[in-house]
């Protein structure tokens, strides 16, 4: 089923990382949330996660591929969609409340970014859930092997 997802990442220390054509960026220590589309289904998210855990991102294609290998994956959520455009809606809502990396992951949308930052996981998770709810999305949160519906 088509959907959108958000992966919550933790970067333990600041680090300069080359993000494809975006170039070199200095990432602060803290929590990041990346929102993307999963138009071919939830397995798209699982691919990102599996590749990162195995260190198997040999030919990075998406902006997230360059970052995820430097981070710890904390949790992720997924929402099925019927109407396209929800990824952009969520990213736009988040950009109004959260700090973000300009141009990250948004080459095909008008949102200013799809990567958001907070020093605390609590704040980041609260704002992501708020954006999903405003967009009218019911999501599943995945953490530690558990699935929790909201």
C-alpha atoms as a PDB file:
ATOM      1  CA  UNK A   1       0.000   0.000   0.000  1.00  0.00           C
ATOM      2  CA  UNK A   2       1.270   3.491  -0.852  1.00  0.00           C
ATOM      3  CA  UNK A   3       2.310   5.604   2.078  1.00  0.00           C
ATOM      4  CA  UNK A   4       4.622   8.081   3.691  1.00  0.00           C
ATOM      5  CA  UNK A   5       7.114   7.522   6.466  1.00  0.00           C
ATOM      6  CA  UNK A   6       9.297   9.371   8.912  1.00  0.00           C
ATOM      7  CA  UNK A   7      12.526   7.873  10.240  1.00  0.00           C
ATOM      8  CA  UNK A   8      13.862   9.230  13.539  1.00  0.00           C
ATOM      9  CA  UNK A   9      17.663   9.270  13.679  1.00  0.00           C
ATOM     10  CA  UNK A  10      20.186  10.124  16.361  1.00  0.00           C
ATOM     11  CA  UNK A  11      23.595  11.621  15.564  1.00  0.00           C
ATOM     12  CA  UNK A  12      25.760  11.416  18.715  1.00  0.00           C
ATOM     13  CA  UNK A  13      28.273  14.098  17.746  1.00  0.00           C
ATOM     14  CA  UNK A  14      28.434  16.883  15.202  1.00  0.00           C
ATOM     15  CA  UNK A  15      29.781  15.771  11.885  1.00  0.00           C
ATOM     16  CA  UNK A  16      30.458  17.154   8.397  1.00  0.00           C
ATOM     17  CA  UNK A  17      28.859  14.912   5.776  1.00  0.00           C
ATOM     18  CA  UNK A  18      28.729  15.209   1.999  1.00  0.00           C
ATOM     19  CA  UNK A  19      25.089  14.851   0.909  1.00  0.00           C
ATOM     20  CA  UNK A  20      25.243  14.156  -2.826  1.00  0.00           C
ATOM     21  CA  UNK A  21      24.683  17.256  -4.950  1.00  0.00           C
ATOM     22  CA  UNK A  22      23.722  19.274  -1.848  1.00  0.00           C
ATOM     23  CA  UNK A  23      27.381  19.143  -0.907  1.00  0.00           C
ATOM     24  CA  UNK A  24      29.073  19.305   2.471  1.00  0.00           C
ATOM     25  CA  UNK A  25      26.868  20.012   5.491  1.00  0.00           C
ATOM     26  CA  UNK A  26      27.694  20.237   9.163  1.00  0.00           C
ATOM     27  CA  UNK A  27      25.149  18.230  11.130  1.00  0.00           C
ATOM     28  CA  UNK A  28      24.732  19.044  14.813  1.00  0.00           C
ATOM     29  CA  UNK A  29      24.561  16.375  17.454  1.00  0.00           C
ATOM     30  CA  UNK A  30      20.930  15.512  18.165  1.00  0.00           C
ATOM     31  CA  UNK A  31      17.813  14.015  16.648  1.00  0.00           C
ATOM     32  CA  UNK A  32      16.691  14.161  13.033  1.00  0.00           C
ATOM     33  CA  UNK A  33      13.430  13.168  11.395  1.00  0.00           C
ATOM     34  CA  UNK A  34      13.356  12.412   7.678  1.00  0.00           C
ATOM     35  CA  UNK A  35       9.975  12.266   5.908  1.00  0.00           C
ATOM     36  CA  UNK A  36       9.711  10.469   2.599  1.00  0.00           C
ATOM     37  CA  UNK A  37       7.277   8.770   0.265  1.00  0.00           C
ATOM     38  CA  UNK A  38       6.817   5.042   0.090  1.00  0.00           C
ATOM     39  CA  UNK A  39       4.776   4.817  -3.088  1.00  0.00           C
ATOM     40  CA  UNK A  40       5.709   1.167  -3.513  1.00  0.00           C
ATOM     41  CA  UNK A  41       4.829   0.350   0.100  1.00  0.00           C
ATOM     42  CA  UNK A  42       6.205   0.059   3.581  1.00  0.00           C
ATOM     43  CA  UNK A  43       9.079  -2.117   2.407  1.00  0.00           C
ATOM     44  CA  UNK A  44      10.769   1.088   1.127  1.00  0.00           C
ATOM     45  CA  UNK A  45      11.313   2.159   4.731  1.00  0.00           C
ATOM     46  CA  UNK A  46      12.551  -1.280   5.668  1.00  0.00           C
ATOM     47  CA  UNK A  47      15.077  -1.074   2.796  1.00  0.00           C
ATOM     48  CA  UNK A  48      16.552   2.151   4.204  1.00  0.00           C
ATOM     49  CA  UNK A  49      16.768   0.648   7.667  1.00  0.00           C
ATOM     50  CA  UNK A  50      18.162  -2.735   6.600  1.00  0.00           C
ATOM     51  CA  UNK A  51      20.793  -1.151   4.352  1.00  0.00           C
ATOM     52  CA  UNK A  52      21.897   1.199   7.123  1.00  0.00           C
ATOM     53  CA  UNK A  53      22.168  -1.576   9.728  1.00  0.00           C
ATOM     54  CA  UNK A  54      24.199  -3.736   7.357  1.00  0.00           C
ATOM     55  CA  UNK A  55      26.361  -0.844   6.185  1.00  0.00           C
ATOM     56  CA  UNK A  56      25.112  -1.699   2.722  1.00  0.00           C
ATOM     57  CA  UNK A  57      24.635   1.782   1.254  1.00  0.00           C
ATOM     58  CA  UNK A  58      27.324   1.351  -1.388  1.00  0.00           C
ATOM     59  CA  UNK A  59      25.824   3.573  -4.086  1.00  0.00           C
ATOM     60  CA  UNK A  60      23.804   6.241  -2.299  1.00  0.00           C
ATOM     61  CA  UNK A  61      21.029   7.687  -4.417  1.00  0.00           C
ATOM     62  CA  UNK A  62      18.680   9.578  -2.097  1.00  0.00           C
ATOM     63  CA  UNK A  63      19.844  12.311   0.287  1.00  0.00           C
ATOM     64  CA  UNK A  64      18.852  10.127   3.248  1.00  0.00           C
ATOM     65  CA  UNK A  65      21.244   7.390   2.035  1.00  0.00           C
ATOM     66  CA  UNK A  66      24.209   9.708   2.711  1.00  0.00           C
ATOM     67  CA  UNK A  67      23.087  10.578   6.252  1.00  0.00           C
ATOM     68  CA  UNK A  68      21.556   7.396   7.620  1.00  0.00           C
ATOM     69  CA  UNK A  69      24.835   5.466   7.734  1.00  0.00           C
ATOM     70  CA  UNK A  70      26.202   7.982  10.262  1.00  0.00           C
ATOM     71  CA  UNK A  71      23.216   7.785  12.609  1.00  0.00           C
ATOM     72  CA  UNK A  72      21.434   5.421  14.953  1.00  0.00           C
ATOM     73  CA  UNK A  73      17.872   4.648  13.874  1.00  0.00           C
ATOM     74  CA  UNK A  74      15.664   5.314  16.881  1.00  0.00           C
ATOM     75  CA  UNK A  75      12.199   4.568  15.488  1.00  0.00           C
ATOM     76  CA  UNK A  76      10.046   5.168  12.464  1.00  0.00           C
ATOM     77  CA  UNK A  77       6.439   5.621  11.572  1.00  0.00           C
ATOM     78  CA  UNK A  78       4.396   4.817   8.506  1.00  0.00           C
ATOM     79  CA  UNK A  79       0.993   5.971   7.257  1.00  0.00           C
ATOM     80  CA  UNK A  80      -0.937   4.561   4.344  1.00  0.00           C
ATOM     81  CA  UNK A  81      -2.221   7.169   1.914  1.00  0.00           C
ATOM     82  CA  UNK A  82      -5.058   7.253  -0.563  1.00  0.00           C
ATOM     83  CA  UNK A  83      -4.407  10.777  -1.836  1.00  0.00           C
ATOM     84  CA  UNK A  84      -0.912  11.743  -2.993  1.00  0.00           C
ATOM     85  CA  UNK A  85       0.692  14.941  -1.717  1.00  0.00           C
ATOM     86  CA  UNK A  86       0.584  14.003   1.973  1.00  0.00           C
ATOM     87  CA  UNK A  87       4.389  13.743   2.164  1.00  0.00           C
ATOM     88  CA  UNK A  88       4.699  17.356   1.027  1.00  0.00           C
ATOM     89  CA  UNK A  89       1.923  18.446   3.387  1.00  0.00           C
ATOM     90  CA  UNK A  90       3.624  16.847   6.398  1.00  0.00           C
ATOM     91  CA  UNK A  91       7.036  18.266   5.434  1.00  0.00           C
ATOM     92  CA  UNK A  92       5.574  21.745   4.984  1.00  0.00           C
ATOM     93  CA  UNK A  93       3.822  21.574   8.376  1.00  0.00           C
ATOM     94  CA  UNK A  94       7.073  20.472  10.024  1.00  0.00           C
ATOM     95  CA  UNK A  95       9.063  23.244   8.344  1.00  0.00           C
ATOM     96  CA  UNK A  96       6.769  25.787  10.020  1.00  0.00           C
ATOM     97  CA  UNK A  97       7.681  24.488  13.510  1.00  0.00           C
ATOM     98  CA  UNK A  98      11.094  22.819  13.335  1.00  0.00           C
ATOM     99  CA  UNK A  99      14.651  23.627  12.299  1.00  0.00           C
ATOM    100  CA  UNK A 100      15.550  21.966   9.017  1.00  0.00           C
ATOM    101  CA  UNK A 101      18.315  21.406   6.453  1.00  0.00           C
ATOM    102  CA  UNK A 102      17.282  23.447   3.361  1.00  0.00           C
ATOM    103  CA  UNK A 103      16.820  21.414   0.197  1.00  0.00           C
ATOM    104  CA  UNK A 104      17.266  18.023   1.865  1.00  0.00           C
ATOM    105  CA  UNK A 105      15.132  15.339   0.221  1.00  0.00           C
ATOM    106  CA  UNK A 106      12.702  17.738  -1.421  1.00  0.00           C
ATOM    107  CA  UNK A 107      13.757  18.044  -5.045  1.00  0.00           C
ATOM    108  CA  UNK A 108      10.295  16.921  -6.198  1.00  0.00           C
ATOM    109  CA  UNK A 109       8.171  18.987  -3.767  1.00  0.00           C
ATOM    110  CA  UNK A 110       7.706  22.621  -2.820  1.00  0.00           C
ATOM    111  CA  UNK A 111       8.472  21.944   0.849  1.00  0.00           C
ATOM    112  CA  UNK A 112      11.725  23.627   1.951  1.00  0.00           C
ATOM    113  CA  UNK A 113      13.068  20.358   3.400  1.00  0.00           C
ATOM    114  CA  UNK A 114      12.229  16.809   4.376  1.00  0.00           C
ATOM    115  CA  UNK A 115      14.834  16.625   7.176  1.00  0.00           C
ATOM    116  CA  UNK A 116      14.120  18.208  10.551  1.00  0.00           C
ATOM    117  CA  UNK A 117      16.249  18.662  13.662  1.00  0.00           C
ATOM    118  CA  UNK A 118      15.765  18.878  17.413  1.00  0.00           C
ATOM    119  CA  UNK A 119      18.054  18.474  20.400  1.00  0.00           C
ATOM    120  CA  UNK A 120      15.370  16.286  22.000  1.00  0.00           C
ATOM    121  CA  UNK A 121      13.540  13.257  20.664  1.00  0.00           C
ATOM    122  CA  UNK A 122      10.428  14.243  22.613  1.00  0.00           C
ATOM    123  CA  UNK A 123      10.013  17.564  20.769  1.00  0.00           C
ATOM    124  CA  UNK A 124      10.726  16.058  17.363  1.00  0.00           C
ATOM    125  CA  UNK A 125       8.360  13.123  17.823  1.00  0.00           C
ATOM    126  CA  UNK A 126       5.597  15.382  19.192  1.00  0.00           C
ATOM    127  CA  UNK A 127       5.792  17.696  16.156  1.00  0.00           C
ATOM    128  CA  UNK A 128       5.925  14.838  13.638  1.00  0.00           C
ATOM    129  CA  UNK A 129       2.845  13.187  15.169  1.00  0.00           C
ATOM    130  CA  UNK A 130       1.077  16.566  15.203  1.00  0.00           C
ATOM    131  CA  UNK A 131       1.821  17.080  11.498  1.00  0.00           C
ATOM    132  CA  UNK A 132       0.544  13.595  10.606  1.00  0.00           C
ATOM    133  CA  UNK A 133      -2.666  14.188  12.570  1.00  0.00           C
ATOM    134  CA  UNK A 134      -3.267  17.597  10.957  1.00  0.00           C
ATOM    135  CA  UNK A 135      -2.766  15.935   7.562  1.00  0.00           C
ATOM    136  CA  UNK A 136      -5.471  13.427   8.550  1.00  0.00           C
ATOM    137  CA  UNK A 137      -3.108  10.450   8.643  1.00  0.00           C
ATOM    138  CA  UNK A 138      -3.359   7.411  10.907  1.00  0.00           C
ATOM    139  CA  UNK A 139       0.131   6.033  11.464  1.00  0.00           C
ATOM    140  CA  UNK A 140       1.946   3.051  12.922  1.00  0.00           C
ATOM    141  CA  UNK A 141       4.961   3.710  15.113  1.00  0.00           C
ATOM    142  CA  UNK A 142       7.710   1.086  14.953  1.00  0.00           C
ATOM    143  CA  UNK A 143      10.203   0.800  17.790  1.00  0.00           C
ATOM    144  CA  UNK A 144      12.070  -2.114  19.237  1.00  0.00           C
ATOM    145  CA  UNK A 145      10.083  -4.594  17.181  1.00  0.00           C
ATOM    146  CA  UNK A 146       6.726  -3.252  18.410  1.00  0.00           C
ATOM    147  CA  UNK A 147       3.986  -1.784  16.243  1.00  0.00           C
ATOM    148  CA  UNK A 148       1.728   0.783  17.850  1.00  0.00           C
ATOM    149  CA  UNK A 149      -1.243   2.255  15.948  1.00  0.00           C
ATOM    150  CA  UNK A 150      -2.204   5.920  16.473  1.00  0.00           C
END
